[in-house]
Amino acid sequence: MIFDSHCHLDDEKFNKDRENLIEAIKQAGITTVISAGYNLEASEKASALSKKYSWIYATSGISPNDIPQQEENLWKSISKIEEIATKNKEKIVAIGEIGLDYYWEKEYAQRELQRKAFIKQIEIANNLELPIVIHTRDAVEDTLKILKEHSVNRKGVFHCCPQNRELIKQALNLDFYISFAGPITFKSSKNAEEMINLVPNDKILIETDSPYLAPEPVRGARNDPRNVKYIAQKIAQAKKLPVEEVEKMTYENTCKIFNIKN
């Protein structure tokens, strides 16, 4: 049992061979995946894939890097995100990916728009009784501040969690789950094992974030959910556990936070 808790099967990098790849993923023993939305188009495509394949689930959301630049357009888009999630209640398991990303955005007004979008999508998640999937980059302080001021009823996951000690500790204190992706396998990641061991076994998830962030030993290639095994192997090494145990516990954790009955 192995669960890629966050990938982007709707991404254009899979356009040429998506159907064949999905079959190969299943044949490789990946039991379940979540294809995550990050804008309107991606959320719609992820939802459609989830309807087509029983073992694929989806999320619906607008990431901080994809929010419209005009506030009026933002609210229209977020309303459609809620509509997508409402129409596919059986397979949309979270609102996400949502959050804050200050790496590219330096303008105060646009950062403020990110914060408004994050808060509004938390409200939608609460209305629909769904968890959230959080993207945060160079915005740890503001991300945590919003989560403390705007309670998330069903909690959620820090996806592709930055290897930041304080973020992980505070996220766990807020009862969120931590999901690790390819970066924990990179040779440049000096504190990966410490970060992994900060997370209790019942709060840890694995993901590929594919087609991006391919892990060692396939770094640089197009990533896909079959490579989630390398994330499990790294966690098993850090926690000194059999890899099968890591696969089992992360599968169960993912089903629990996303309320998937498998």
C-alpha atoms as a PDB file:
ATOM      1  CA  MET A   1       0.000   0.000   0.000  1.00  0.00           C
ATOM      2  CA  ILE A   2       1.649   3.215  -1.125  1.00  0.00           C
ATOM      3  CA  PHE A   3       0.050   6.649  -1.515  1.00  0.00           C
ATOM      4  CA  ASP A   4       1.430   9.624  -3.446  1.00  0.00           C
ATOM      5  CA  SER A   5      -0.375  12.322  -1.500  1.00  0.00           C
ATOM      6  CA  HIS A   6       0.393  15.175  -3.910  1.00  0.00           C
ATOM      7  CA  CYS A   7       1.126  15.153  -7.632  1.00  0.00           C
ATOM      8  CA  HIS A   8      -0.059  17.032 -10.709  1.00  0.00           C
ATOM      9  CA  LEU A   9      -1.219  14.458 -13.243  1.00  0.00           C
ATOM     10  CA  ASP A  10      -3.108  17.248 -15.006  1.00  0.00           C
ATOM     11  CA  ASP A  11       0.164  19.078 -15.797  1.00  0.00           C
ATOM     12  CA  GLU A  12       0.970  19.752 -19.459  1.00  0.00           C
ATOM     13  CA  LYS A  13       4.224  17.814 -19.092  1.00  0.00           C
ATOM     14  CA  PHE A  14       2.066  14.672 -19.067  1.00  0.00           C
ATOM     15  CA  ASN A  15      -0.054  15.616 -22.102  1.00  0.00           C
ATOM     16  CA  LYS A  16       1.707  13.309 -24.561  1.00  0.00           C
ATOM     17  CA  ASP A  17       1.485  10.105 -22.523  1.00  0.00           C
ATOM     18  CA  ARG A  18      -0.917  10.683 -19.614  1.00  0.00           C
ATOM     19  CA  GLU A  19      -3.110   7.616 -20.116  1.00  0.00           C
ATOM     20  CA  ASN A  20      -0.147   5.284 -20.586  1.00  0.00           C
ATOM     21  CA  LEU A  21       1.601   6.791 -17.592  1.00  0.00           C
ATOM     22  CA  ILE A  22      -1.453   6.358 -15.370  1.00  0.00           C
ATOM     23  CA  GLU A  23      -1.543   2.677 -16.311  1.00  0.00           C
ATOM     24  CA  ALA A  24       2.205   2.380 -15.586  1.00  0.00           C
ATOM     25  CA  ILE A  25       1.738   4.036 -12.178  1.00  0.00           C
ATOM     26  CA  LYS A  26      -0.887   1.469 -11.246  1.00  0.00           C
ATOM     27  CA  GLN A  27       1.249  -1.394 -12.552  1.00  0.00           C
ATOM     28  CA  ALA A  28       4.184  -0.129 -10.456  1.00  0.00           C
ATOM     29  CA  GLY A  29       2.169  -0.765  -7.292  1.00  0.00           C
ATOM     30  CA  ILE A  30       1.168   2.797  -6.425  1.00  0.00           C
ATOM     31  CA  THR A  31      -2.172   2.188  -4.754  1.00  0.00           C
ATOM     32  CA  THR A  32      -3.635   5.702  -4.624  1.00  0.00           C
ATOM     33  CA  VAL A  33      -2.723   9.243  -5.678  1.00  0.00           C
ATOM     34  CA  ILE A  34      -4.066  12.741  -5.179  1.00  0.00           C
ATOM     35  CA  SER A  35      -3.818  15.030  -8.203  1.00  0.00           C
ATOM     36  CA  ALA A  36      -3.688  18.525  -6.752  1.00  0.00           C
ATOM     37  CA  GLY A  37      -5.270  21.609  -8.242  1.00  0.00           C
ATOM     38  CA  TYR A  38      -3.407  24.912  -8.162  1.00  0.00           C
ATOM     39  CA  ASN A  39      -5.583  27.079 -10.424  1.00  0.00           C
ATOM     40  CA  LEU A  40      -9.000  26.826 -12.053  1.00  0.00           C
ATOM     41  CA  GLU A  41      -7.903  24.796 -15.068  1.00  0.00           C
ATOM     42  CA  ALA A  42      -5.762  22.396 -13.030  1.00  0.00           C
ATOM     43  CA  SER A  43      -8.543  21.924 -10.468  1.00  0.00           C
ATOM     44  CA  GLU A  44     -11.056  21.130 -13.203  1.00  0.00           C
ATOM     45  CA  LYS A  45      -8.677  18.658 -14.877  1.00  0.00           C
ATOM     46  CA  ALA A  46      -7.762  17.002 -11.580  1.00  0.00           C
ATOM     47  CA  SER A  47     -11.450  16.633 -10.744  1.00  0.00           C
ATOM     48  CA  ALA A  48     -12.112  15.055 -14.147  1.00  0.00           C
ATOM     49  CA  LEU A  49      -9.271  12.559 -13.671  1.00  0.00           C
ATOM     50  CA  SER A  50     -10.621  11.621 -10.252  1.00  0.00           C
ATOM     51  CA  LYS A  51     -13.995  10.826 -11.793  1.00  0.00           C
ATOM     52  CA  LYS A  52     -12.392   8.627 -14.427  1.00  0.00           C
ATOM     53  CA  TYR A  53     -10.151   6.543 -12.121  1.00  0.00           C
ATOM     54  CA  SER A  54     -11.367   5.112  -8.822  1.00  0.00           C
ATOM     55  CA  TRP A  55      -7.886   5.275  -7.240  1.00  0.00           C
ATOM     56  CA  ILE A  56      -7.200   8.920  -8.157  1.00  0.00           C
ATOM     57  CA  TYR A  57      -8.481  11.698  -5.886  1.00  0.00           C
ATOM     58  CA  ALA A  58      -8.186  15.456  -6.343  1.00  0.00           C
ATOM     59  CA  THR A  59      -7.986  18.825  -4.620  1.00  0.00           C
ATOM     60  CA  SER A  60      -9.420  22.154  -5.735  1.00  0.00           C
ATOM     61  CA  GLY A  61      -7.670  25.437  -5.062  1.00  0.00           C
ATOM     62  CA  ILE A  62      -5.742  28.448  -6.290  1.00  0.00           C
ATOM     63  CA  SER A  63      -2.101  28.583  -5.240  1.00  0.00           C
ATOM     64  CA  PRO A  64      -0.462  31.887  -4.285  1.00  0.00           C
ATOM     65  CA  ASN A  65       1.489  31.820  -7.544  1.00  0.00           C
ATOM     66  CA  ASP A  66      -1.690  31.515  -9.619  1.00  0.00           C
ATOM     67  CA  ILE A  67      -4.076  34.045  -8.118  1.00  0.00           C
ATOM     68  CA  PRO A  68      -5.486  36.654 -10.526  1.00  0.00           C
ATOM     69  CA  GLN A  69      -3.812  40.047 -10.265  1.00  0.00           C
ATOM     70  CA  GLN A  70      -7.149  41.872  -9.956  1.00  0.00           C
ATOM     71  CA  GLU A  71      -9.130  41.372  -6.751  1.00  0.00           C
ATOM     72  CA  GLU A  72     -12.491  41.213  -8.552  1.00  0.00           C
ATOM     73  CA  ASN A  73     -11.233  38.362 -10.748  1.00  0.00           C
ATOM     74  CA  LEU A  74      -9.803  36.621  -7.691  1.00  0.00           C
ATOM     75  CA  TRP A  75     -13.195  36.350  -5.988  1.00  0.00           C
ATOM     76  CA  LYS A  76     -14.792  35.035  -9.177  1.00  0.00           C
ATOM     77  CA  SER A  77     -12.085  32.372  -9.467  1.00  0.00           C
ATOM     78  CA  ILE A  78     -12.359  31.349  -5.838  1.00  0.00           C
ATOM     79  CA  SER A  79     -16.124  31.023  -6.201  1.00  0.00           C
ATOM     80  CA  LYS A  80     -15.534  28.586  -9.074  1.00  0.00           C
ATOM     81  CA  ILE A  81     -13.037  26.650  -6.933  1.00  0.00           C
ATOM     82  CA  GLU A  82     -15.796  26.161  -4.368  1.00  0.00           C
ATOM     83  CA  GLU A  83     -18.165  25.081  -7.140  1.00  0.00           C
ATOM     84  CA  ILE A  84     -15.722  22.425  -8.408  1.00  0.00           C
ATOM     85  CA  ALA A  85     -15.338  20.996  -4.908  1.00  0.00           C
ATOM     86  CA  THR A  86     -19.083  21.042  -4.283  1.00  0.00           C
ATOM     87  CA  LYS A  87     -19.940  19.267  -7.545  1.00  0.00           C
ATOM     88  CA  ASN A  88     -17.463  16.425  -6.923  1.00  0.00           C
ATOM     89  CA  LYS A  89     -17.861  15.782  -3.218  1.00  0.00           C
ATOM     90  CA  GLU A  90     -17.007  12.101  -3.596  1.00  0.00           C
ATOM     91  CA  LYS A  91     -13.490  12.676  -4.946  1.00  0.00           C
ATOM     92  CA  ILE A  92     -12.370  16.221  -4.009  1.00  0.00           C
ATOM     93  CA  VAL A  93     -10.661  15.594  -0.695  1.00  0.00           C
ATOM     94  CA  ALA A  94      -9.258  19.038   0.170  1.00  0.00           C
ATOM     95  CA  ILE A  95      -9.072  22.697  -0.747  1.00  0.00           C
ATOM     96  CA  GLY A  96      -5.596  23.266  -2.092  1.00  0.00           C
ATOM     97  CA  GLU A  97      -2.994  23.883  -2.849  1.00  0.00           C
ATOM     98  CA  ILE A  98      -3.352  27.256  -1.174  1.00  0.00           C
ATOM     99  CA  GLY A  99      -1.084  29.432   0.929  1.00  0.00           C
ATOM    100  CA  LEU A 100       1.604  32.076   0.579  1.00  0.00           C
ATOM    101  CA  ASP A 101       4.681  32.372  -1.631  1.00  0.00           C
ATOM    102  CA  TYR A 102       6.870  35.446  -1.295  1.00  0.00           C
ATOM    103  CA  TYR A 103       9.806  34.024  -3.262  1.00  0.00           C
ATOM    104  CA  TRP A 104       8.670  35.549  -6.564  1.00  0.00           C
ATOM    105  CA  GLU A 105       6.234  38.171  -5.307  1.00  0.00           C
ATOM    106  CA  LYS A 106       7.908  41.251  -3.809  1.00  0.00           C
ATOM    107  CA  GLU A 107       5.040  43.766  -4.088  1.00  0.00           C
ATOM    108  CA  TYR A 108       3.163  44.421  -0.835  1.00  0.00           C
ATOM    109  CA  ALA A 109      -0.224  44.780  -2.572  1.00  0.00           C
ATOM    110  CA  GLN A 110       0.089  41.407  -4.300  1.00  0.00           C
ATOM    111  CA  ARG A 111       1.297  39.721  -1.116  1.00  0.00           C
ATOM    112  CA  GLU A 112      -1.775  41.151   0.599  1.00  0.00           C
ATOM    113  CA  LEU A 113      -3.915  39.631  -2.165  1.00  0.00           C
ATOM    114  CA  GLN A 114      -2.243  36.262  -1.503  1.00  0.00           C
ATOM    115  CA  ARG A 115      -3.174  36.555   2.158  1.00  0.00           C
ATOM    116  CA  LYS A 116      -6.805  37.422   1.322  1.00  0.00           C
ATOM    117  CA  ALA A 117      -7.029  34.470  -1.070  1.00  0.00           C
ATOM    118  CA  PHE A 118      -5.570  32.127   1.555  1.00  0.00           C
ATOM    119  CA  ILE A 119      -8.062  33.250   4.201  1.00  0.00           C
ATOM    120  CA  LYS A 120     -11.045  33.034   1.838  1.00  0.00           C
ATOM    121  CA  GLN A 121     -10.123  29.508   0.760  1.00  0.00           C
ATOM    122  CA  ILE A 122      -9.782  28.461   4.413  1.00  0.00           C
ATOM    123  CA  GLU A 123     -13.370  29.694   4.863  1.00  0.00           C
ATOM    124  CA  ILE A 124     -14.478  27.574   1.899  1.00  0.00           C
ATOM    125  CA  ALA A 125     -12.721  24.518   3.341  1.00  0.00           C
ATOM    126  CA  ASN A 126     -14.535  25.061   6.635  1.00  0.00           C
ATOM    127  CA  ASN A 127     -17.885  25.483   4.860  1.00  0.00           C
ATOM    128  CA  LEU A 128     -17.348  22.222   2.958  1.00  0.00           C
ATOM    129  CA  GLU A 129     -15.836  20.412   5.975  1.00  0.00           C
ATOM    130  CA  LEU A 130     -12.599  19.721   4.093  1.00  0.00           C
ATOM    131  CA  PRO A 131      -8.947  19.925   5.124  1.00  0.00           C
ATOM    132  CA  ILE A 132      -6.528  22.223   3.305  1.00  0.00           C
ATOM    133  CA  VAL A 133      -3.254  21.601   1.470  1.00  0.00           C
ATOM    134  CA  ILE A 134      -0.730  24.357   2.148  1.00  0.00           C
ATOM    135  CA  HIS A 135       1.992  25.702  -0.119  1.00  0.00           C
ATOM    136  CA  THR A 136       4.388  28.043   1.692  1.00  0.00           C
ATOM    137  CA  ARG A 137       7.668  29.484   0.465  1.00  0.00           C
ATOM    138  CA  ASP A 138       9.619  32.324   2.069  1.00  0.00           C
ATOM    139  CA  ALA A 139       6.449  33.176   3.999  1.00  0.00           C
ATOM    140  CA  VAL A 140       6.567  30.992   7.104  1.00  0.00           C
ATOM    141  CA  GLU A 141       5.736  33.720   9.630  1.00  0.00           C
ATOM    142  CA  ASP A 142       2.674  35.015   7.791  1.00  0.00           C
ATOM    143  CA  THR A 143       1.449  31.498   6.945  1.00  0.00           C
ATOM    144  CA  LEU A 144       1.499  30.470  10.602  1.00  0.00           C
ATOM    145  CA  LYS A 145      -0.046  33.788  11.691  1.00  0.00           C
ATOM    146  CA  ILE A 146      -3.031  33.250   9.385  1.00  0.00           C
ATOM    147  CA  LEU A 147      -3.503  29.662  10.570  1.00  0.00           C
ATOM    148  CA  LYS A 148      -3.495  30.821  14.189  1.00  0.00           C
ATOM    149  CA  GLU A 149      -5.979  33.632  13.514  1.00  0.00           C
ATOM    150  CA  HIS A 150      -8.259  31.666  11.170  1.00  0.00           C
ATOM    151  CA  SER A 151      -8.940  28.234  12.564  1.00  0.00           C
ATOM    152  CA  VAL A 152      -9.078  25.382  10.052  1.00  0.00           C
ATOM    153  CA  ASN A 153     -11.718  22.964  11.285  1.00  0.00           C
ATOM    154  CA  ARG A 154     -10.452  19.839   9.502  1.00  0.00           C
ATOM    155  CA  LYS A 155      -6.779  20.913   9.639  1.00  0.00           C
ATOM    156  CA  GLY A 156      -4.642  19.771   6.716  1.00  0.00           C
ATOM    157  CA  VAL A 157      -1.174  19.212   5.298  1.00  0.00           C
ATOM    158  CA  PHE A 158       1.943  21.252   4.698  1.00  0.00           C
ATOM    159  CA  HIS A 159       2.780  19.844   1.279  1.00  0.00           C
ATOM    160  CA  CYS A 160       6.407  19.563   0.122  1.00  0.00           C
ATOM    161  CA  CYS A 161       7.152  20.988   3.554  1.00  0.00           C
ATOM    162  CA  PRO A 162      10.148  23.342   3.703  1.00  0.00           C
ATOM    163  CA  GLN A 163      12.922  21.961   5.885  1.00  0.00           C
ATOM    164  CA  ASN A 164      12.419  24.616   8.520  1.00  0.00           C
ATOM    165  CA  ARG A 165      12.604  23.471  12.128  1.00  0.00           C
ATOM    166  CA  GLU A 166      10.300  26.166  13.543  1.00  0.00           C
ATOM    167  CA  LEU A 167       7.705  25.707  10.805  1.00  0.00           C
ATOM    168  CA  ILE A 168       7.499  21.965  11.408  1.00  0.00           C
ATOM    169  CA  LYS A 169       7.249  22.366  15.185  1.00  0.00           C
ATOM    170  CA  GLN A 170       4.524  25.011  15.003  1.00  0.00           C
ATOM    171  CA  ALA A 171       2.621  23.182  12.259  1.00  0.00           C
ATOM    172  CA  LEU A 172       2.543  20.069  14.433  1.00  0.00           C
ATOM    173  CA  ASN A 173       1.391  22.156  17.400  1.00  0.00           C
ATOM    174  CA  LEU A 174      -1.513  23.300  15.221  1.00  0.00           C
ATOM    175  CA  ASP A 175      -2.289  19.598  14.542  1.00  0.00           C
ATOM    176  CA  PHE A 176      -1.299  19.706  10.868  1.00  0.00           C
ATOM    177  CA  TYR A 177       0.348  16.888   8.951  1.00  0.00           C
ATOM    178  CA  ILE A 178       3.751  17.204   7.276  1.00  0.00           C
ATOM    179  CA  SER A 179       4.364  15.889   3.761  1.00  0.00           C
ATOM    180  CA  PHE A 180       7.866  15.409   2.378  1.00  0.00           C
ATOM    181  CA  ALA A 181       8.871  15.289  -1.282  1.00  0.00           C
ATOM    182  CA  GLY A 182      12.009  14.967  -3.402  1.00  0.00           C
ATOM    183  CA  PRO A 183      14.102  17.669  -1.675  1.00  0.00           C
ATOM    184  CA  ILE A 184      14.682  15.452   1.376  1.00  0.00           C
ATOM    185  CA  THR A 185      16.657  13.100  -0.903  1.00  0.00           C
ATOM    186  CA  PHE A 186      18.882  15.801  -2.422  1.00  0.00           C
ATOM    187  CA  LYS A 187      22.579  15.612  -1.581  1.00  0.00           C
ATOM    188  CA  SER A 188      22.463  19.333  -0.786  1.00  0.00           C
ATOM    189  CA  SER A 189      19.869  18.707   1.936  1.00  0.00           C
ATOM    190  CA  LYS A 190      22.087  18.570   5.008  1.00  0.00           C
ATOM    191  CA  ASN A 191      19.402  18.475   7.715  1.00  0.00           C
ATOM    192  CA  ALA A 192      16.798  16.219   6.063  1.00  0.00           C
ATOM    193  CA  GLU A 193      17.094  13.415   8.618  1.00  0.00           C
ATOM    194  CA  GLU A 194      16.683  15.856  11.514  1.00  0.00           C
ATOM    195  CA  MET A 195      13.544  17.337   9.896  1.00  0.00           C
ATOM    196  CA  ILE A 196      12.092  13.884   9.234  1.00  0.00           C
ATOM    197  CA  ASN A 197      12.621  12.853  12.837  1.00  0.00           C
ATOM    198  CA  LEU A 198      10.852  15.970  14.113  1.00  0.00           C
ATOM    199  CA  VAL A 199       7.625  14.525  12.678  1.00  0.00           C
ATOM    200  CA  PRO A 200       5.820  11.769  14.612  1.00  0.00           C
ATOM    201  CA  ASN A 201       5.028   8.633  12.623  1.00  0.00           C
ATOM    202  CA  ASP A 202       1.295   9.383  12.734  1.00  0.00           C
ATOM    203  CA  LYS A 203       1.709  12.866  11.171  1.00  0.00           C
ATOM    204  CA  ILE A 204       3.985  12.183   8.194  1.00  0.00           C
ATOM    205  CA  LEU A 205       3.005  11.869   4.515  1.00  0.00           C
ATOM    206  CA  ILE A 206       4.954  11.243   1.315  1.00  0.00           C
ATOM    207  CA  GLU A 207       4.505  12.842  -2.099  1.00  0.00           C
ATOM    208  CA  THR A 208       6.236  13.476  -5.409  1.00  0.00           C
ATOM    209  CA  ASP A 209       4.858  16.920  -6.381  1.00  0.00           C
ATOM    210  CA  SER A 210       5.423  15.495  -9.863  1.00  0.00           C
ATOM    211  CA  PRO A 211       6.230  16.361 -12.582  1.00  0.00           C
ATOM    212  CA  TYR A 212       8.538  18.592 -10.521  1.00  0.00           C
ATOM    213  CA  LEU A 213      11.248  17.930  -7.916  1.00  0.00           C
ATOM    214  CA  ALA A 214      12.336  14.467  -9.036  1.00  0.00           C
ATOM    215  CA  PRO A 215      14.167  12.779  -6.137  1.00  0.00           C
ATOM    216  CA  GLU A 216      17.577  11.171  -6.139  1.00  0.00           C
ATOM    217  CA  PRO A 217      18.499   8.972  -7.997  1.00  0.00           C
ATOM    218  CA  VAL A 218      16.373  10.331 -10.861  1.00  0.00           C
ATOM    219  CA  ARG A 219      16.895  14.035 -10.172  1.00  0.00           C
ATOM    220  CA  GLY A 220      16.662  16.124 -13.318  1.00  0.00           C
ATOM    221  CA  ALA A 221      14.192  13.808 -15.060  1.00  0.00           C
ATOM    222  CA  ARG A 222      10.461  14.345 -15.370  1.00  0.00           C
ATOM    223  CA  ASN A 223       9.052  13.202 -12.063  1.00  0.00           C
ATOM    224  CA  ASP A 224       5.970  10.968 -11.674  1.00  0.00           C
ATOM    225  CA  PRO A 225       4.211   9.118  -8.828  1.00  0.00           C
ATOM    226  CA  ARG A 226       6.237   5.938  -9.294  1.00  0.00           C
ATOM    227  CA  ASN A 227       9.146   7.806  -7.684  1.00  0.00           C
ATOM    228  CA  VAL A 228       7.338   8.232  -4.366  1.00  0.00           C
ATOM    229  CA  LYS A 229       9.164   5.052  -3.290  1.00  0.00           C
ATOM    230  CA  TYR A 230      12.397   7.047  -3.005  1.00  0.00           C
ATOM    231  CA  ILE A 231      10.783   9.425  -0.513  1.00  0.00           C
ATOM    232  CA  ALA A 232       9.601   6.426   1.524  1.00  0.00           C
ATOM    233  CA  GLN A 233      13.111   4.953   1.415  1.00  0.00           C
ATOM    234  CA  LYS A 234      14.657   8.178   2.723  1.00  0.00           C
ATOM    235  CA  ILE A 235      12.180   8.359   5.598  1.00  0.00           C
ATOM    236  CA  ALA A 236      12.758   4.684   6.413  1.00  0.00           C
ATOM    237  CA  GLN A 237      16.493   5.332   6.531  1.00  0.00           C
ATOM    238  CA  ALA A 238      16.098   8.369   8.786  1.00  0.00           C
ATOM    239  CA  LYS A 239      13.655   6.700  11.169  1.00  0.00           C
ATOM    240  CA  LYS A 240      15.426   3.322  11.051  1.00  0.00           C
ATOM    241  CA  LEU A 241      12.264   1.526   9.976  1.00  0.00           C
ATOM    242  CA  PRO A 242      11.513  -1.050   7.259  1.00  0.00           C
ATOM    243  CA  VAL A 243      10.391   0.780   4.110  1.00  0.00           C
ATOM    244  CA  GLU A 244       7.202  -1.324   4.079  1.00  0.00           C
ATOM    245  CA  GLU A 245       6.288   0.109   7.482  1.00  0.00           C
ATOM    246  CA  VAL A 246       6.811   3.663   6.216  1.00  0.00           C
ATOM    247  CA  GLU A 247       4.646   2.960   3.164  1.00  0.00           C
ATOM    248  CA  LYS A 248       1.903   1.509   5.373  1.00  0.00           C
ATOM    249  CA  MET A 249       1.896   4.296   7.955  1.00  0.00           C
ATOM    250  CA  THR A 250       1.990   7.100   5.377  1.00  0.00           C
ATOM    251  CA  TYR A 251      -0.838   5.405   3.464  1.00  0.00           C
ATOM    252  CA  GLU A 252      -2.957   5.237   6.610  1.00  0.00           C
ATOM    253  CA  ASN A 253      -2.077   8.830   7.569  1.00  0.00           C
ATOM    254  CA  THR A 254      -3.080  10.113   4.127  1.00  0.00           C
ATOM    255  CA  CYS A 255      -6.396   8.274   4.226  1.00  0.00           C
ATOM    256  CA  LYS A 256      -7.067   9.669   7.686  1.00  0.00           C
ATOM    257  CA  ILE A 257      -6.407  13.360   7.007  1.00  0.00           C
ATOM    258  CA  PHE A 258      -8.271  13.273   3.680  1.00  0.00           C
ATOM    259  CA  ASN A 259     -11.098  11.076   4.990  1.00  0.00           C
ATOM    260  CA  ILE A 260     -10.573   8.428   2.291  1.00  0.00           C
ATOM    261  CA  LYS A 261     -12.230   5.105   2.994  1.00  0.00           C
ATOM    262  CA  ASN A 262      -9.927   2.528   1.367  1.00  0.00           C
END
